[in-house]
């Protein structure tokens, strides 16, 4: 049996982040691991949650945690330095590993517990695919390419890198992403874990029917939002701007495709702004970083200020 113990995982709440939890639980299914997962939808809050957890640990190890993983999200420099210094000088704290694939987090590789790799062997990674590689190396286990766990990690990687549409013409990754939001996180996680244990990742007829209905609904939503798009200049970019909570990636992609005169698509949500681009010479991660966020060259985001809702209410009703 692998030596595991009590493990804490902080991860993102999208398909890639949720799948990191699936990978961990499935990888360690036949061990004595006690896994606690905390999902962070707001990258800004992730640092606060990690800091709060780390500061709550006693220095003699009575908390029982042996490992802390941070996947598909980053932490700020203050929290990273605090973890680094504490783990150097105090015994009893869990071993730490941060696994991420966002360009904006590469500076954290100065720490020996950080593994930020946007690409590996000329292939764009996702948090899930990278996490599985790290786990295999950590526990000295080699998985075959036809293993369901490896195949599922590849599905997630294709969706998160957008390769499912630009390179592979493979609709399955998009279907899994849609299933997450249709089923809800708990049902989706249980469903995927069952598929992995059954060594079959094929979708059921009921799932495909549900996805067809949702696809029709989403297309109507996307075109309705594109009709409301406002064009403006943002930091020197020709931008198309909409307010939306759903279908962010598809919406941003369609905004750019149907409006070749814009450089970037900007989608304003309730707690974050998402940036999307399809032109080769546009890197929206640089733009997101200006507003306290980060991400990929073609898909990035930044958190909205905590008082934004209050400011909007005042603006509207004054």
C-alpha atoms as a PDB file:
ATOM      1  CA  UNK A   1       0.000   0.000   0.000  1.00  0.00           C
ATOM      2  CA  UNK A   2       1.231   3.487  -0.833  1.00  0.00           C
ATOM      3  CA  UNK A   3       2.103   5.688   2.107  1.00  0.00           C
ATOM      4  CA  UNK A   4      -0.459   8.486   1.864  1.00  0.00           C
ATOM      5  CA  UNK A   5      -2.166   9.731   5.044  1.00  0.00           C
ATOM      6  CA  UNK A   6      -4.255  12.888   5.139  1.00  0.00           C
ATOM      7  CA  UNK A   7      -4.107  15.018   1.993  1.00  0.00           C
ATOM      8  CA  UNK A   8      -5.404  18.544   1.372  1.00  0.00           C
ATOM      9  CA  UNK A   9      -6.149  19.652  -2.195  1.00  0.00           C
ATOM     10  CA  UNK A  10      -6.881  23.202  -3.295  1.00  0.00           C
ATOM     11  CA  UNK A  11      -8.050  23.330  -6.897  1.00  0.00           C
ATOM     12  CA  UNK A  12     -10.036  25.373  -9.400  1.00  0.00           C
ATOM     13  CA  UNK A  13     -13.775  24.822  -9.913  1.00  0.00           C
ATOM     14  CA  UNK A  14     -13.815  24.409 -13.711  1.00  0.00           C
ATOM     15  CA  UNK A  15     -13.471  21.115 -15.616  1.00  0.00           C
ATOM     16  CA  UNK A  16      -9.680  21.108 -15.322  1.00  0.00           C
ATOM     17  CA  UNK A  17      -9.677  21.914 -11.617  1.00  0.00           C
ATOM     18  CA  UNK A  18     -12.474  19.489 -10.715  1.00  0.00           C
ATOM     19  CA  UNK A  19     -10.734  16.774 -12.723  1.00  0.00           C
ATOM     20  CA  UNK A  20      -7.583  17.232 -10.632  1.00  0.00           C
ATOM     21  CA  UNK A  21      -9.679  16.073  -7.684  1.00  0.00           C
ATOM     22  CA  UNK A  22     -10.989  13.138  -9.713  1.00  0.00           C
ATOM     23  CA  UNK A  23      -7.450  12.167 -10.661  1.00  0.00           C
ATOM     24  CA  UNK A  24      -6.237  12.301  -7.056  1.00  0.00           C
ATOM     25  CA  UNK A  25      -9.135  10.301  -5.622  1.00  0.00           C
ATOM     26  CA  UNK A  26      -8.969   7.695  -8.378  1.00  0.00           C
ATOM     27  CA  UNK A  27      -5.176   7.409  -8.301  1.00  0.00           C
ATOM     28  CA  UNK A  28      -5.204   6.736  -4.546  1.00  0.00           C
ATOM     29  CA  UNK A  29      -8.451   4.741  -4.415  1.00  0.00           C
ATOM     30  CA  UNK A  30      -6.872   1.582  -2.959  1.00  0.00           C
ATOM     31  CA  UNK A  31      -4.827   3.376  -0.303  1.00  0.00           C
ATOM     32  CA  UNK A  32      -5.468   4.713   3.181  1.00  0.00           C
ATOM     33  CA  UNK A  33      -5.603   8.270   1.834  1.00  0.00           C
ATOM     34  CA  UNK A  34      -8.023  10.688   3.484  1.00  0.00           C
ATOM     35  CA  UNK A  35      -8.536  13.406   0.886  1.00  0.00           C
ATOM     36  CA  UNK A  36     -10.037  16.845   1.540  1.00  0.00           C
ATOM     37  CA  UNK A  37     -10.801  18.949  -1.528  1.00  0.00           C
ATOM     38  CA  UNK A  38     -11.464  22.683  -1.477  1.00  0.00           C
ATOM     39  CA  UNK A  39     -12.616  24.269  -4.734  1.00  0.00           C
ATOM     40  CA  UNK A  40     -11.656  27.876  -5.505  1.00  0.00           C
ATOM     41  CA  UNK A  41     -13.677  29.613  -8.215  1.00  0.00           C
ATOM     42  CA  UNK A  42     -12.021  32.979  -7.579  1.00  0.00           C
ATOM     43  CA  UNK A  43      -8.214  32.957  -8.023  1.00  0.00           C
ATOM     44  CA  UNK A  44      -7.927  35.954  -5.690  1.00  0.00           C
ATOM     45  CA  UNK A  45      -9.640  34.012  -2.911  1.00  0.00           C
ATOM     46  CA  UNK A  46      -7.416  30.975  -3.490  1.00  0.00           C
ATOM     47  CA  UNK A  47      -4.428  32.659  -1.863  1.00  0.00           C
ATOM     48  CA  UNK A  48      -6.557  33.633   1.133  1.00  0.00           C
ATOM     49  CA  UNK A  49      -7.871  30.081   1.552  1.00  0.00           C
ATOM     50  CA  UNK A  50      -4.413  28.524   1.298  1.00  0.00           C
ATOM     51  CA  UNK A  51      -2.972  31.052   3.745  1.00  0.00           C
ATOM     52  CA  UNK A  52      -5.784  30.471   6.249  1.00  0.00           C
ATOM     53  CA  UNK A  53      -5.311  26.709   6.070  1.00  0.00           C
ATOM     54  CA  UNK A  54      -1.523  26.880   6.379  1.00  0.00           C
ATOM     55  CA  UNK A  55      -1.640  29.219   9.368  1.00  0.00           C
ATOM     56  CA  UNK A  56      -4.149  26.943  11.110  1.00  0.00           C
ATOM     57  CA  UNK A  57      -1.700  24.011  11.203  1.00  0.00           C
ATOM     58  CA  UNK A  58       0.154  23.330  14.422  1.00  0.00           C
ATOM     59  CA  UNK A  59       3.925  22.964  14.186  1.00  0.00           C
ATOM     60  CA  UNK A  60       4.155  19.438  15.594  1.00  0.00           C
ATOM     61  CA  UNK A  61       2.048  17.694  13.000  1.00  0.00           C
ATOM     62  CA  UNK A  62      -0.902  16.738  15.195  1.00  0.00           C
ATOM     63  CA  UNK A  63      -3.207  17.937  12.404  1.00  0.00           C
ATOM     64  CA  UNK A  64      -2.350  14.730  10.548  1.00  0.00           C
ATOM     65  CA  UNK A  65      -1.830  16.236   7.091  1.00  0.00           C
ATOM     66  CA  UNK A  66       1.038  14.679   5.166  1.00  0.00           C
ATOM     67  CA  UNK A  67       0.612  16.505   1.835  1.00  0.00           C
ATOM     68  CA  UNK A  68      -0.936  19.674   0.435  1.00  0.00           C
ATOM     69  CA  UNK A  69      -1.526  19.979  -3.306  1.00  0.00           C
ATOM     70  CA  UNK A  70      -2.464  23.190  -5.117  1.00  0.00           C
ATOM     71  CA  UNK A  71      -3.611  22.447  -8.670  1.00  0.00           C
ATOM     72  CA  UNK A  72      -4.757  24.512 -11.646  1.00  0.00           C
ATOM     73  CA  UNK A  73      -4.660  27.719  -9.579  1.00  0.00           C
ATOM     74  CA  UNK A  74      -1.875  29.959  -8.392  1.00  0.00           C
ATOM     75  CA  UNK A  75      -1.078  31.738  -5.125  1.00  0.00           C
ATOM     76  CA  UNK A  76       0.366  35.186  -4.604  1.00  0.00           C
ATOM     77  CA  UNK A  77       4.008  35.846  -3.724  1.00  0.00           C
ATOM     78  CA  UNK A  78       3.257  36.538  -0.051  1.00  0.00           C
ATOM     79  CA  UNK A  79       1.625  33.161   0.526  1.00  0.00           C
ATOM     80  CA  UNK A  80       4.236  31.325  -1.546  1.00  0.00           C
ATOM     81  CA  UNK A  81       7.060  32.848   0.486  1.00  0.00           C
ATOM     82  CA  UNK A  82       5.277  32.066   3.765  1.00  0.00           C
ATOM     83  CA  UNK A  83       4.875  28.404   2.767  1.00  0.00           C
ATOM     84  CA  UNK A  84       8.460  28.183   1.575  1.00  0.00           C
ATOM     85  CA  UNK A  85       9.956  29.616   4.760  1.00  0.00           C
ATOM     86  CA  UNK A  86       7.727  27.606   7.100  1.00  0.00           C
ATOM     87  CA  UNK A  87       8.318  24.314   5.318  1.00  0.00           C
ATOM     88  CA  UNK A  88      12.080  24.913   5.546  1.00  0.00           C
ATOM     89  CA  UNK A  89      12.273  25.529   9.267  1.00  0.00           C
ATOM     90  CA  UNK A  90       9.369  23.698  10.885  1.00  0.00           C
ATOM     91  CA  UNK A  91       8.798  19.966  11.029  1.00  0.00           C
ATOM     92  CA  UNK A  92       5.254  18.673  11.187  1.00  0.00           C
ATOM     93  CA  UNK A  93       3.934  20.639   8.211  1.00  0.00           C
ATOM     94  CA  UNK A  94       2.727  18.680   5.174  1.00  0.00           C
ATOM     95  CA  UNK A  95       4.841  18.394   2.064  1.00  0.00           C
ATOM     96  CA  UNK A  96       3.674  20.884  -0.552  1.00  0.00           C
ATOM     97  CA  UNK A  97       3.350  20.686  -4.325  1.00  0.00           C
ATOM     98  CA  UNK A  98       1.864  23.376  -6.555  1.00  0.00           C
ATOM     99  CA  UNK A  99       0.996  22.056 -10.016  1.00  0.00           C
ATOM    100  CA  UNK A 100      -0.154  24.588 -12.591  1.00  0.00           C
ATOM    101  CA  UNK A 101       0.015  25.181 -16.339  1.00  0.00           C
ATOM    102  CA  UNK A 102      -0.677  28.923 -16.602  1.00  0.00           C
ATOM    103  CA  UNK A 103       2.019  31.159 -18.066  1.00  0.00           C
ATOM    104  CA  UNK A 104       1.308  33.808 -15.440  1.00  0.00           C
ATOM    105  CA  UNK A 105       2.443  31.459 -12.641  1.00  0.00           C
ATOM    106  CA  UNK A 106       5.846  30.493 -14.078  1.00  0.00           C
ATOM    107  CA  UNK A 107       7.675  32.793 -11.634  1.00  0.00           C
ATOM    108  CA  UNK A 108       6.727  30.367  -8.839  1.00  0.00           C
ATOM    109  CA  UNK A 109       9.125  27.790 -10.298  1.00  0.00           C
ATOM    110  CA  UNK A 110      11.846  29.400  -8.196  1.00  0.00           C
ATOM    111  CA  UNK A 111      10.515  27.181  -5.391  1.00  0.00           C
ATOM    112  CA  UNK A 112      11.481  23.518  -5.509  1.00  0.00           C
ATOM    113  CA  UNK A 113       7.901  22.497  -4.623  1.00  0.00           C
ATOM    114  CA  UNK A 114       6.367  24.333  -7.589  1.00  0.00           C
ATOM    115  CA  UNK A 115       5.757  22.647 -10.965  1.00  0.00           C
ATOM    116  CA  UNK A 116       4.418  25.222 -13.437  1.00  0.00           C
ATOM    117  CA  UNK A 117       4.668  23.864 -16.987  1.00  0.00           C
ATOM    118  CA  UNK A 118       2.456  25.366 -19.704  1.00  0.00           C
ATOM    119  CA  UNK A 119       4.033  22.943 -22.184  1.00  0.00           C
ATOM    120  CA  UNK A 120       5.858  19.640 -21.968  1.00  0.00           C
ATOM    121  CA  UNK A 121       7.561  18.090 -25.008  1.00  0.00           C
ATOM    122  CA  UNK A 122       5.874  20.703 -27.241  1.00  0.00           C
ATOM    123  CA  UNK A 123       2.410  19.697 -26.010  1.00  0.00           C
ATOM    124  CA  UNK A 124       0.215  22.171 -24.124  1.00  0.00           C
ATOM    125  CA  UNK A 125      -0.589  20.797 -20.694  1.00  0.00           C
ATOM    126  CA  UNK A 126      -3.650  21.166 -18.492  1.00  0.00           C
ATOM    127  CA  UNK A 127      -3.657  21.088 -14.716  1.00  0.00           C
ATOM    128  CA  UNK A 128      -5.143  17.576 -14.840  1.00  0.00           C
ATOM    129  CA  UNK A 129      -2.645  16.072 -17.286  1.00  0.00           C
ATOM    130  CA  UNK A 130       0.281  17.658 -15.451  1.00  0.00           C
ATOM    131  CA  UNK A 131      -1.006  16.553 -12.030  1.00  0.00           C
ATOM    132  CA  UNK A 132      -1.260  12.940 -13.186  1.00  0.00           C
ATOM    133  CA  UNK A 133       2.355  13.051 -14.392  1.00  0.00           C
ATOM    134  CA  UNK A 134       3.502  14.500 -11.052  1.00  0.00           C
ATOM    135  CA  UNK A 135       1.609  11.839  -9.092  1.00  0.00           C
ATOM    136  CA  UNK A 136       3.111   9.049 -11.194  1.00  0.00           C
ATOM    137  CA  UNK A 137       6.584  10.431 -10.542  1.00  0.00           C
ATOM    138  CA  UNK A 138       5.922  10.998  -6.848  1.00  0.00           C
ATOM    139  CA  UNK A 139       4.682   7.449  -6.261  1.00  0.00           C
ATOM    140  CA  UNK A 140       6.933   5.832  -8.897  1.00  0.00           C
ATOM    141  CA  UNK A 141       4.034   4.371 -10.876  1.00  0.00           C
ATOM    142  CA  UNK A 142       3.901   4.002 -14.650  1.00  0.00           C
ATOM    143  CA  UNK A 143       0.470   4.030 -16.314  1.00  0.00           C
ATOM    144  CA  UNK A 144      -0.142   2.707 -19.819  1.00  0.00           C
ATOM    145  CA  UNK A 145      -1.620   4.992 -22.476  1.00  0.00           C
ATOM    146  CA  UNK A 146      -4.781   2.877 -22.682  1.00  0.00           C
ATOM    147  CA  UNK A 147      -5.436   3.250 -18.939  1.00  0.00           C
ATOM    148  CA  UNK A 148      -8.776   5.013 -18.354  1.00  0.00           C
ATOM    149  CA  UNK A 149      -7.115   7.518 -16.013  1.00  0.00           C
ATOM    150  CA  UNK A 150      -4.626   8.523 -18.709  1.00  0.00           C
ATOM    151  CA  UNK A 151      -7.340   8.713 -21.344  1.00  0.00           C
ATOM    152  CA  UNK A 152      -9.516  10.904 -19.140  1.00  0.00           C
ATOM    153  CA  UNK A 153      -6.609  13.266 -18.423  1.00  0.00           C
ATOM    154  CA  UNK A 154      -6.119  13.595 -22.180  1.00  0.00           C
ATOM    155  CA  UNK A 155      -9.807  14.442 -22.670  1.00  0.00           C
ATOM    156  CA  UNK A 156      -9.480  17.265 -20.142  1.00  0.00           C
ATOM    157  CA  UNK A 157      -6.187  18.446 -21.666  1.00  0.00           C
ATOM    158  CA  UNK A 158      -7.767  18.654 -25.112  1.00  0.00           C
ATOM    159  CA  UNK A 159     -10.633  20.736 -23.783  1.00  0.00           C
ATOM    160  CA  UNK A 160      -8.550  23.083 -21.659  1.00  0.00           C
ATOM    161  CA  UNK A 161      -5.981  23.698 -24.409  1.00  0.00           C
ATOM    162  CA  UNK A 162      -8.836  24.147 -26.925  1.00  0.00           C
ATOM    163  CA  UNK A 163      -7.155  21.459 -29.017  1.00  0.00           C
ATOM    164  CA  UNK A 164     -10.444  19.581 -29.264  1.00  0.00           C
ATOM    165  CA  UNK A 165     -11.581  22.084 -31.901  1.00  0.00           C
ATOM    166  CA  UNK A 166      -8.334  23.539 -33.333  1.00  0.00           C
ATOM    167  CA  UNK A 167      -6.372  20.301 -33.771  1.00  0.00           C
ATOM    168  CA  UNK A 168      -8.276  17.086 -33.086  1.00  0.00           C
ATOM    169  CA  UNK A 169     -11.849  17.763 -34.263  1.00  0.00           C
ATOM    170  CA  UNK A 170     -12.954  15.870 -31.159  1.00  0.00           C
ATOM    171  CA  UNK A 171     -16.281  16.825 -29.547  1.00  0.00           C
ATOM    172  CA  UNK A 172     -15.927  14.525 -26.518  1.00  0.00           C
ATOM    173  CA  UNK A 173     -13.892  16.995 -24.385  1.00  0.00           C
ATOM    174  CA  UNK A 174     -16.543  19.681 -24.958  1.00  0.00           C
ATOM    175  CA  UNK A 175     -19.254  17.193 -24.023  1.00  0.00           C
ATOM    176  CA  UNK A 176     -17.544  16.404 -20.721  1.00  0.00           C
ATOM    177  CA  UNK A 177     -17.264  20.093 -19.926  1.00  0.00           C
ATOM    178  CA  UNK A 178     -20.960  20.613 -20.647  1.00  0.00           C
ATOM    179  CA  UNK A 179     -21.851  17.609 -18.502  1.00  0.00           C
ATOM    180  CA  UNK A 180     -20.080  19.157 -15.520  1.00  0.00           C
ATOM    181  CA  UNK A 181     -22.320  22.217 -15.605  1.00  0.00           C
ATOM    182  CA  UNK A 182     -25.451  20.218 -16.411  1.00  0.00           C
ATOM    183  CA  UNK A 183     -25.009  17.567 -13.724  1.00  0.00           C
ATOM    184  CA  UNK A 184     -23.415  19.663 -11.014  1.00  0.00           C
ATOM    185  CA  UNK A 185     -20.027  18.939  -9.479  1.00  0.00           C
ATOM    186  CA  UNK A 186     -20.922  16.105  -7.087  1.00  0.00           C
ATOM    187  CA  UNK A 187     -22.891  14.048  -9.628  1.00  0.00           C
ATOM    188  CA  UNK A 188     -20.312  14.707 -12.340  1.00  0.00           C
ATOM    189  CA  UNK A 189     -17.419  13.570 -10.135  1.00  0.00           C
ATOM    190  CA  UNK A 190     -19.247  10.392  -9.122  1.00  0.00           C
ATOM    191  CA  UNK A 191     -20.196   9.701 -12.750  1.00  0.00           C
ATOM    192  CA  UNK A 192     -16.670  10.144 -14.115  1.00  0.00           C
ATOM    193  CA  UNK A 193     -15.099   8.064 -11.340  1.00  0.00           C
ATOM    194  CA  UNK A 194     -17.535   5.246 -12.159  1.00  0.00           C
ATOM    195  CA  UNK A 195     -16.583   5.468 -15.851  1.00  0.00           C
ATOM    196  CA  UNK A 196     -12.876   5.333 -14.991  1.00  0.00           C
ATOM    197  CA  UNK A 197     -13.317   2.314 -12.706  1.00  0.00           C
ATOM    198  CA  UNK A 198     -15.420   0.673 -15.439  1.00  0.00           C
ATOM    199  CA  UNK A 199     -12.620   1.467 -17.938  1.00  0.00           C
ATOM    200  CA  UNK A 200     -15.175   2.991 -20.310  1.00  0.00           C
ATOM    201  CA  UNK A 201     -15.383   6.743 -20.923  1.00  0.00           C
ATOM    202  CA  UNK A 202     -18.132   6.502 -23.549  1.00  0.00           C
ATOM    203  CA  UNK A 203     -21.192   8.655 -22.958  1.00  0.00           C
ATOM    204  CA  UNK A 204     -24.566   7.064 -22.309  1.00  0.00           C
ATOM    205  CA  UNK A 205     -27.504   7.690 -24.672  1.00  0.00           C
ATOM    206  CA  UNK A 206     -29.243   9.708 -21.951  1.00  0.00           C
ATOM    207  CA  UNK A 207     -26.169  11.898 -21.545  1.00  0.00           C
ATOM    208  CA  UNK A 208     -25.925  12.566 -25.286  1.00  0.00           C
ATOM    209  CA  UNK A 209     -29.629  13.500 -25.460  1.00  0.00           C
ATOM    210  CA  UNK A 210     -29.235  15.859 -22.551  1.00  0.00           C
ATOM    211  CA  UNK A 211     -26.209  17.446 -24.239  1.00  0.00           C
ATOM    212  CA  UNK A 212     -28.065  17.971 -27.542  1.00  0.00           C
ATOM    213  CA  UNK A 213     -30.852  19.838 -25.763  1.00  0.00           C
ATOM    214  CA  UNK A 214     -28.347  21.944 -23.840  1.00  0.00           C
ATOM    215  CA  UNK A 215     -26.361  22.727 -26.996  1.00  0.00           C
ATOM    216  CA  UNK A 216     -29.459  24.168 -28.662  1.00  0.00           C
ATOM    217  CA  UNK A 217     -30.187  26.282 -25.584  1.00  0.00           C
ATOM    218  CA  UNK A 218     -26.600  27.511 -25.391  1.00  0.00           C
ATOM    219  CA  UNK A 219     -26.517  28.538 -29.055  1.00  0.00           C
ATOM    220  CA  UNK A 220     -29.586  30.709 -28.557  1.00  0.00           C
ATOM    221  CA  UNK A 221     -27.980  32.261 -25.489  1.00  0.00           C
ATOM    222  CA  UNK A 222     -24.690  32.930 -27.303  1.00  0.00           C
ATOM    223  CA  UNK A 223     -26.282  34.636 -30.314  1.00  0.00           C
ATOM    224  CA  UNK A 224     -28.521  36.716 -28.035  1.00  0.00           C
ATOM    225  CA  UNK A 225     -25.456  37.905 -26.123  1.00  0.00           C
ATOM    226  CA  UNK A 226     -23.498  38.658 -29.298  1.00  0.00           C
ATOM    227  CA  UNK A 227     -26.375  40.873 -30.462  1.00  0.00           C
ATOM    228  CA  UNK A 228     -25.920  42.942 -27.293  1.00  0.00           C
ATOM    229  CA  UNK A 229     -22.139  43.276 -27.720  1.00  0.00           C
ATOM    230  CA  UNK A 230     -20.604  46.738 -27.313  1.00  0.00           C
ATOM    231  CA  UNK A 231     -17.390  47.672 -29.122  1.00  0.00           C
ATOM    232  CA  UNK A 232     -14.729  49.832 -27.494  1.00  0.00           C
ATOM    233  CA  UNK A 233     -10.978  50.322 -27.131  1.00  0.00           C
ATOM    234  CA  UNK A 234      -9.427  48.631 -24.066  1.00  0.00           C
ATOM    235  CA  UNK A 235      -5.690  49.102 -23.448  1.00  0.00           C
ATOM    236  CA  UNK A 236      -5.155  49.657 -27.165  1.00  0.00           C
ATOM    237  CA  UNK A 237      -7.159  46.588 -28.252  1.00  0.00           C
ATOM    238  CA  UNK A 238     -10.348  46.652 -30.307  1.00  0.00           C
ATOM    239  CA  UNK A 239     -12.641  44.860 -27.884  1.00  0.00           C
ATOM    240  CA  UNK A 240     -16.111  43.403 -27.996  1.00  0.00           C
ATOM    241  CA  UNK A 241     -17.730  43.486 -24.554  1.00  0.00           C
ATOM    242  CA  UNK A 242     -20.745  41.597 -23.194  1.00  0.00           C
ATOM    243  CA  UNK A 243     -22.176  40.785 -19.781  1.00  0.00           C
ATOM    244  CA  UNK A 244     -22.698  37.029 -19.368  1.00  0.00           C
ATOM    245  CA  UNK A 245     -22.447  34.235 -16.821  1.00  0.00           C
ATOM    246  CA  UNK A 246     -22.678  31.157 -19.038  1.00  0.00           C
ATOM    247  CA  UNK A 247     -20.879  29.614 -22.023  1.00  0.00           C
ATOM    248  CA  UNK A 248     -17.890  31.919 -21.513  1.00  0.00           C
ATOM    249  CA  UNK A 249     -15.393  30.046 -23.702  1.00  0.00           C
ATOM    250  CA  UNK A 250     -17.842  29.347 -26.536  1.00  0.00           C
ATOM    251  CA  UNK A 251     -19.222  32.868 -26.339  1.00  0.00           C
ATOM    252  CA  UNK A 252     -15.789  34.493 -26.489  1.00  0.00           C
ATOM    253  CA  UNK A 253     -14.731  32.273 -29.383  1.00  0.00           C
ATOM    254  CA  UNK A 254     -17.882  33.034 -31.378  1.00  0.00           C
ATOM    255  CA  UNK A 255     -17.592  36.767 -30.666  1.00  0.00           C
ATOM    256  CA  UNK A 256     -14.120  36.786 -32.210  1.00  0.00           C
ATOM    257  CA  UNK A 257     -15.032  34.562 -35.165  1.00  0.00           C
ATOM    258  CA  UNK A 258     -18.127  36.543 -36.134  1.00  0.00           C
ATOM    259  CA  UNK A 259     -16.451  39.915 -35.616  1.00  0.00           C
ATOM    260  CA  UNK A 260     -13.009  39.842 -37.274  1.00  0.00           C
ATOM    261  CA  UNK A 261     -12.621  43.571 -36.595  1.00  0.00           C
ATOM    262  CA  UNK A 262     -12.204  42.976 -32.848  1.00  0.00           C
ATOM    263  CA  UNK A 263      -8.946  41.812 -31.258  1.00  0.00           C
ATOM    264  CA  UNK A 264     -10.371  40.477 -28.022  1.00  0.00           C
ATOM    265  CA  UNK A 265     -13.654  39.370 -26.491  1.00  0.00           C
ATOM    266  CA  UNK A 266     -14.377  40.607 -22.970  1.00  0.00           C
ATOM    267  CA  UNK A 267     -17.048  38.808 -20.934  1.00  0.00           C
ATOM    268  CA  UNK A 268     -18.043  40.448 -17.662  1.00  0.00           C
ATOM    269  CA  UNK A 269     -19.435  38.084 -15.028  1.00  0.00           C
ATOM    270  CA  UNK A 270     -20.604  38.601 -11.464  1.00  0.00           C
ATOM    271  CA  UNK A 271     -17.158  38.169  -9.900  1.00  0.00           C
ATOM    272  CA  UNK A 272     -14.664  38.069 -12.771  1.00  0.00           C
ATOM    273  CA  UNK A 273     -13.834  39.370 -16.242  1.00  0.00           C
ATOM    274  CA  UNK A 274     -12.855  36.839 -18.902  1.00  0.00           C
ATOM    275  CA  UNK A 275     -10.688  37.656 -21.918  1.00  0.00           C
ATOM    276  CA  UNK A 276     -10.650  35.595 -25.108  1.00  0.00           C
ATOM    277  CA  UNK A 277      -8.768  35.911 -28.424  1.00  0.00           C
ATOM    278  CA  UNK A 278      -8.181  33.853 -31.555  1.00  0.00           C
ATOM    279  CA  UNK A 279      -5.654  36.022 -33.424  1.00  0.00           C
ATOM    280  CA  UNK A 280      -2.106  34.660 -33.373  1.00  0.00           C
ATOM    281  CA  UNK A 281      -0.494  37.927 -32.283  1.00  0.00           C
ATOM    282  CA  UNK A 282      -2.801  38.578 -29.301  1.00  0.00           C
ATOM    283  CA  UNK A 283      -1.864  37.425 -25.778  1.00  0.00           C
ATOM    284  CA  UNK A 284      -4.732  38.165 -23.389  1.00  0.00           C
ATOM    285  CA  UNK A 285      -2.829  36.777 -20.397  1.00  0.00           C
ATOM    286  CA  UNK A 286      -0.781  39.995 -20.417  1.00  0.00           C
ATOM    287  CA  UNK A 287      -3.983  42.024 -20.329  1.00  0.00           C
ATOM    288  CA  UNK A 288      -5.431  39.913 -17.517  1.00  0.00           C
ATOM    289  CA  UNK A 289      -2.246  40.338 -15.497  1.00  0.00           C
ATOM    290  CA  UNK A 290      -2.696  44.136 -15.640  1.00  0.00           C
ATOM    291  CA  UNK A 291      -5.963  43.648 -13.761  1.00  0.00           C
ATOM    292  CA  UNK A 292      -4.664  41.205 -11.168  1.00  0.00           C
ATOM    293  CA  UNK A 293      -5.439  38.012 -13.061  1.00  0.00           C
ATOM    294  CA  UNK A 294      -3.736  35.609 -15.425  1.00  0.00           C
ATOM    295  CA  UNK A 295      -4.216  32.566 -17.596  1.00  0.00           C
ATOM    296  CA  UNK A 296      -3.379  31.507 -21.137  1.00  0.00           C
ATOM    297  CA  UNK A 297      -2.467  33.577 -24.221  1.00  0.00           C
ATOM    298  CA  UNK A 298      -5.903  32.973 -25.756  1.00  0.00           C
ATOM    299  CA  UNK A 299      -8.030  32.561 -22.604  1.00  0.00           C
ATOM    300  CA  UNK A 300      -7.490  34.492 -19.392  1.00  0.00           C
ATOM    301  CA  UNK A 301      -9.394  36.191 -16.622  1.00  0.00           C
ATOM    302  CA  UNK A 302      -9.187  38.638 -13.757  1.00  0.00           C
ATOM    303  CA  UNK A 303     -11.255  38.981 -10.565  1.00  0.00           C
ATOM    304  CA  UNK A 304     -13.564  41.930 -10.128  1.00  0.00           C
ATOM    305  CA  UNK A 305     -13.031  44.128  -7.039  1.00  0.00           C
ATOM    306  CA  UNK A 306     -14.991  43.011  -3.976  1.00  0.00           C
ATOM    307  CA  UNK A 307     -16.980  46.253  -3.914  1.00  0.00           C
ATOM    308  CA  UNK A 308     -17.909  46.139  -7.611  1.00  0.00           C
ATOM    309  CA  UNK A 309     -21.526  45.060  -6.998  1.00  0.00           C
ATOM    310  CA  UNK A 310     -22.022  47.874  -4.524  1.00  0.00           C
ATOM    311  CA  UNK A 311     -20.570  50.374  -7.014  1.00  0.00           C
ATOM    312  CA  UNK A 312     -22.846  49.097  -9.793  1.00  0.00           C
ATOM    313  CA  UNK A 313     -25.946  49.393  -7.608  1.00  0.00           C
ATOM    314  CA  UNK A 314     -25.023  52.984  -6.700  1.00  0.00           C
ATOM    315  CA  UNK A 315     -24.376  53.833 -10.342  1.00  0.00           C
ATOM    316  CA  UNK A 316     -27.718  52.415 -11.477  1.00  0.00           C
ATOM    317  CA  UNK A 317     -29.954  53.783  -8.740  1.00  0.00           C
ATOM    318  CA  UNK A 318     -28.331  57.164  -8.237  1.00  0.00           C
END
